[in-house]
Amino acid sequence: MGKSIEQLEREECRLRILQILYDAGNALRAKTVRKILDDLSCPMTWDTFMRHVEFLVSELGIRAFPASLANDMNNVEQAKYIRMMKGASFDSSEVSTMMLRIRSLGRSHIEDNATILGVAKP
């Protein structure tokens, strides 16, 4: 049995997040990534966006961290940070400091050298 339309849309939005971060080459503010998604006809609420971010972080495709952080967070710290950001209001100051960066597995997926299940193929 094939994938549902909703599943295909989720996978496509996750791919777009990876592509945005891949094309940027550097970390981007999460709010900027969400705005670009809106411009690419992939609009979503902050909660939905954060679910995609959480998924991609758990699959090692991206990293999420506060702009003020000097060192990478470990997986537990990152999970706690994402949980806090999921509960935050889109207009809060904390959300404005959230950064996203593609990881090597995310790059490999975009370059078609690896596969992240739950993300559309480029």
C-alpha atoms as a PDB file:
ATOM      1  CA  MET A   1       0.000   0.000   0.000  1.00  0.00           C
ATOM      2  CA  GLY A   2       1.283   3.456  -0.930  1.00  0.00           C
ATOM      3  CA  LYS A   3       1.851   6.436   1.305  1.00  0.00           C
ATOM      4  CA  SER A   4      -0.975   8.780   2.179  1.00  0.00           C
ATOM      5  CA  ILE A   5      -1.082  12.308   0.795  1.00  0.00           C
ATOM      6  CA  GLU A   6      -0.399  13.645   4.286  1.00  0.00           C
ATOM      7  CA  GLN A   7       2.718  11.469   4.623  1.00  0.00           C
ATOM      8  CA  LEU A   8       3.995  12.578   1.211  1.00  0.00           C
ATOM      9  CA  GLU A   9       3.445  16.237   2.174  1.00  0.00           C
ATOM     10  CA  ARG A  10       5.314  15.759   5.468  1.00  0.00           C
ATOM     11  CA  GLU A  11       8.229  14.117   3.677  1.00  0.00           C
ATOM     12  CA  GLU A  12       8.337  16.903   1.084  1.00  0.00           C
ATOM     13  CA  CYS A  13       8.337  19.641   3.749  1.00  0.00           C
ATOM     14  CA  ARG A  14      11.175  17.900   5.590  1.00  0.00           C
ATOM     15  CA  LEU A  15      13.133  17.723   2.349  1.00  0.00           C
ATOM     16  CA  ARG A  16      12.581  21.442   1.815  1.00  0.00           C
ATOM     17  CA  ILE A  17      13.937  22.192   5.287  1.00  0.00           C
ATOM     18  CA  LEU A  18      17.071  20.211   4.460  1.00  0.00           C
ATOM     19  CA  GLN A  19      17.396  21.926   1.075  1.00  0.00           C
ATOM     20  CA  ILE A  20      17.091  25.398   2.612  1.00  0.00           C
ATOM     21  CA  LEU A  21      19.817  24.616   5.152  1.00  0.00           C
ATOM     22  CA  TYR A  22      21.978  22.918   2.524  1.00  0.00           C
ATOM     23  CA  ASP A  23      21.735  25.904   0.174  1.00  0.00           C
ATOM     24  CA  ALA A  24      22.459  28.342   3.005  1.00  0.00           C
ATOM     25  CA  GLY A  25      25.734  26.648   3.875  1.00  0.00           C
ATOM     26  CA  ASN A  26      25.584  28.154   7.380  1.00  0.00           C
ATOM     27  CA  ALA A  27      23.219  27.991  10.303  1.00  0.00           C
ATOM     28  CA  LEU A  28      19.960  29.911   9.856  1.00  0.00           C
ATOM     29  CA  ARG A  29      17.428  31.187  12.344  1.00  0.00           C
ATOM     30  CA  ALA A  30      14.513  28.779  12.632  1.00  0.00           C
ATOM     31  CA  LYS A  31      12.076  31.644  12.025  1.00  0.00           C
ATOM     32  CA  THR A  32      13.875  32.422   8.753  1.00  0.00           C
ATOM     33  CA  VAL A  33      13.607  28.802   7.620  1.00  0.00           C
ATOM     34  CA  ARG A  34       9.896  28.796   8.437  1.00  0.00           C
ATOM     35  CA  LYS A  35       9.417  32.045   6.476  1.00  0.00           C
ATOM     36  CA  ILE A  36      11.224  30.581   3.450  1.00  0.00           C
ATOM     37  CA  LEU A  37       8.952  27.530   3.656  1.00  0.00           C
ATOM     38  CA  ASP A  38       5.949  29.863   3.553  1.00  0.00           C
ATOM     39  CA  ASP A  39       7.412  31.498   0.437  1.00  0.00           C
ATOM     40  CA  LEU A  40       7.897  28.053  -1.142  1.00  0.00           C
ATOM     41  CA  SER A  41       4.208  27.189  -0.738  1.00  0.00           C
ATOM     42  CA  CYS A  42       4.807  24.986   2.284  1.00  0.00           C
ATOM     43  CA  PRO A  43       3.074  27.050   4.996  1.00  0.00           C
ATOM     44  CA  MET A  44       2.734  25.631   8.482  1.00  0.00           C
ATOM     45  CA  THR A  45       2.168  26.616  12.071  1.00  0.00           C
ATOM     46  CA  TRP A  46       5.094  26.914  14.473  1.00  0.00           C
ATOM     47  CA  ASP A  47       3.979  23.685  16.160  1.00  0.00           C
ATOM     48  CA  THR A  48       3.985  21.753  12.877  1.00  0.00           C
ATOM     49  CA  PHE A  49       7.331  23.250  11.896  1.00  0.00           C
ATOM     50  CA  MET A  50       8.800  22.213  15.245  1.00  0.00           C
ATOM     51  CA  ARG A  51       7.537  18.653  14.782  1.00  0.00           C
ATOM     52  CA  HIS A  52       9.472  18.520  11.490  1.00  0.00           C
ATOM     53  CA  VAL A  53      12.542  19.992  13.194  1.00  0.00           C
ATOM     54  CA  GLU A  54      12.247  17.471  16.021  1.00  0.00           C
ATOM     55  CA  PHE A  55      12.005  14.629  13.508  1.00  0.00           C
ATOM     56  CA  LEU A  56      15.019  15.819  11.502  1.00  0.00           C
ATOM     57  CA  VAL A  57      17.078  16.290  14.672  1.00  0.00           C
ATOM     58  CA  SER A  58      16.171  12.790  15.869  1.00  0.00           C
ATOM     59  CA  GLU A  59      17.206  11.354  12.481  1.00  0.00           C
ATOM     60  CA  LEU A  60      20.528  13.249  12.670  1.00  0.00           C
ATOM     61  CA  GLY A  61      19.741  15.379   9.611  1.00  0.00           C
ATOM     62  CA  ILE A  62      19.987  18.749  11.376  1.00  0.00           C
ATOM     63  CA  ARG A  63      21.085  20.384  14.620  1.00  0.00           C
ATOM     64  CA  ALA A  64      19.013  22.875  16.624  1.00  0.00           C
ATOM     65  CA  PHE A  65      20.645  25.229  19.108  1.00  0.00           C
ATOM     66  CA  PRO A  66      20.378  28.712  20.627  1.00  0.00           C
ATOM     67  CA  ALA A  67      22.323  31.449  18.815  1.00  0.00           C
ATOM     68  CA  SER A  68      24.333  32.207  21.963  1.00  0.00           C
ATOM     69  CA  LEU A  69      25.696  28.655  22.278  1.00  0.00           C
ATOM     70  CA  ALA A  70      29.448  28.338  21.783  1.00  0.00           C
ATOM     71  CA  ASN A  71      29.602  24.503  21.827  1.00  0.00           C
ATOM     72  CA  ASP A  72      27.329  21.809  20.400  1.00  0.00           C
ATOM     73  CA  MET A  73      24.655  20.388  22.669  1.00  0.00           C
ATOM     74  CA  ASN A  74      24.554  16.684  23.365  1.00  0.00           C
ATOM     75  CA  ASN A  75      21.454  14.744  22.265  1.00  0.00           C
ATOM     76  CA  VAL A  76      19.698  15.020  25.649  1.00  0.00           C
ATOM     77  CA  GLU A  77      20.275  18.785  25.894  1.00  0.00           C
ATOM     78  CA  GLN A  78      19.115  19.229  22.320  1.00  0.00           C
ATOM     79  CA  ALA A  79      15.926  17.220  22.959  1.00  0.00           C
ATOM     80  CA  LYS A  80      15.145  19.359  26.017  1.00  0.00           C
ATOM     81  CA  TYR A  81      15.805  22.524  24.017  1.00  0.00           C
ATOM     82  CA  ILE A  82      13.465  21.429  21.216  1.00  0.00           C
ATOM     83  CA  ARG A  83      10.764  20.497  23.724  1.00  0.00           C
ATOM     84  CA  MET A  84      11.054  23.993  25.224  1.00  0.00           C
ATOM     85  CA  MET A  85      10.879  25.606  21.761  1.00  0.00           C
ATOM     86  CA  LYS A  86       7.812  23.530  20.842  1.00  0.00           C
ATOM     87  CA  GLY A  87       6.012  25.002  23.834  1.00  0.00           C
ATOM     88  CA  ALA A  88       7.138  28.565  23.145  1.00  0.00           C
ATOM     89  CA  SER A  89       5.044  31.161  21.375  1.00  0.00           C
ATOM     90  CA  PHE A  90       6.195  32.040  17.857  1.00  0.00           C
ATOM     91  CA  ASP A  91       6.513  35.683  18.965  1.00  0.00           C
ATOM     92  CA  SER A  92       8.660  34.934  22.023  1.00  0.00           C
ATOM     93  CA  SER A  93      12.243  36.140  22.278  1.00  0.00           C
ATOM     94  CA  GLU A  94      13.503  32.569  22.803  1.00  0.00           C
ATOM     95  CA  VAL A  95      12.144  31.477  19.433  1.00  0.00           C
ATOM     96  CA  SER A  96      13.995  34.347  17.745  1.00  0.00           C
ATOM     97  CA  THR A  97      17.329  32.919  18.913  1.00  0.00           C
ATOM     98  CA  MET A  98      16.793  29.340  17.709  1.00  0.00           C
ATOM     99  CA  MET A  99      19.246  28.299  15.013  1.00  0.00           C
ATOM    100  CA  LEU A 100      19.243  25.323  12.637  1.00  0.00           C
ATOM    101  CA  ARG A 101      22.201  23.780  10.821  1.00  0.00           C
ATOM    102  CA  ILE A 102      22.345  20.826   8.458  1.00  0.00           C
ATOM    103  CA  ARG A 103      24.462  17.865   9.536  1.00  0.00           C
ATOM    104  CA  SER A 104      26.529  15.550   7.362  1.00  0.00           C
ATOM    105  CA  LEU A 105      23.725  12.974   7.062  1.00  0.00           C
ATOM    106  CA  GLY A 106      21.351  15.718   5.896  1.00  0.00           C
ATOM    107  CA  ARG A 107      23.933  16.827   3.320  1.00  0.00           C
ATOM    108  CA  SER A 108      24.377  13.248   2.140  1.00  0.00           C
ATOM    109  CA  HIS A 109      20.598  12.893   1.761  1.00  0.00           C
ATOM    110  CA  ILE A 110      20.429  16.034  -0.393  1.00  0.00           C
ATOM    111  CA  GLU A 111      23.369  14.819  -2.478  1.00  0.00           C
ATOM    112  CA  ASP A 112      21.599  11.428  -2.855  1.00  0.00           C
ATOM    113  CA  ASN A 113      24.397   9.546  -1.097  1.00  0.00           C
ATOM    114  CA  ALA A 114      22.276   8.498   1.893  1.00  0.00           C
ATOM    115  CA  THR A 115      18.644   8.134   2.843  1.00  0.00           C
ATOM    116  CA  ILE A 116      16.747   9.542   5.788  1.00  0.00           C
ATOM    117  CA  LEU A 117      13.519   7.590   6.149  1.00  0.00           C
ATOM    118  CA  GLY A 118      10.555   9.932   6.394  1.00  0.00           C
ATOM    119  CA  VAL A 119      12.150  12.520   4.097  1.00  0.00           C
ATOM    120  CA  ALA A 120      11.399  12.717   0.375  1.00  0.00           C
ATOM    121  CA  LYS A 121      14.229  11.997  -2.033  1.00  0.00           C
ATOM    122  CA  PRO A 122      15.634  15.060  -3.820  1.00  0.00           C
END
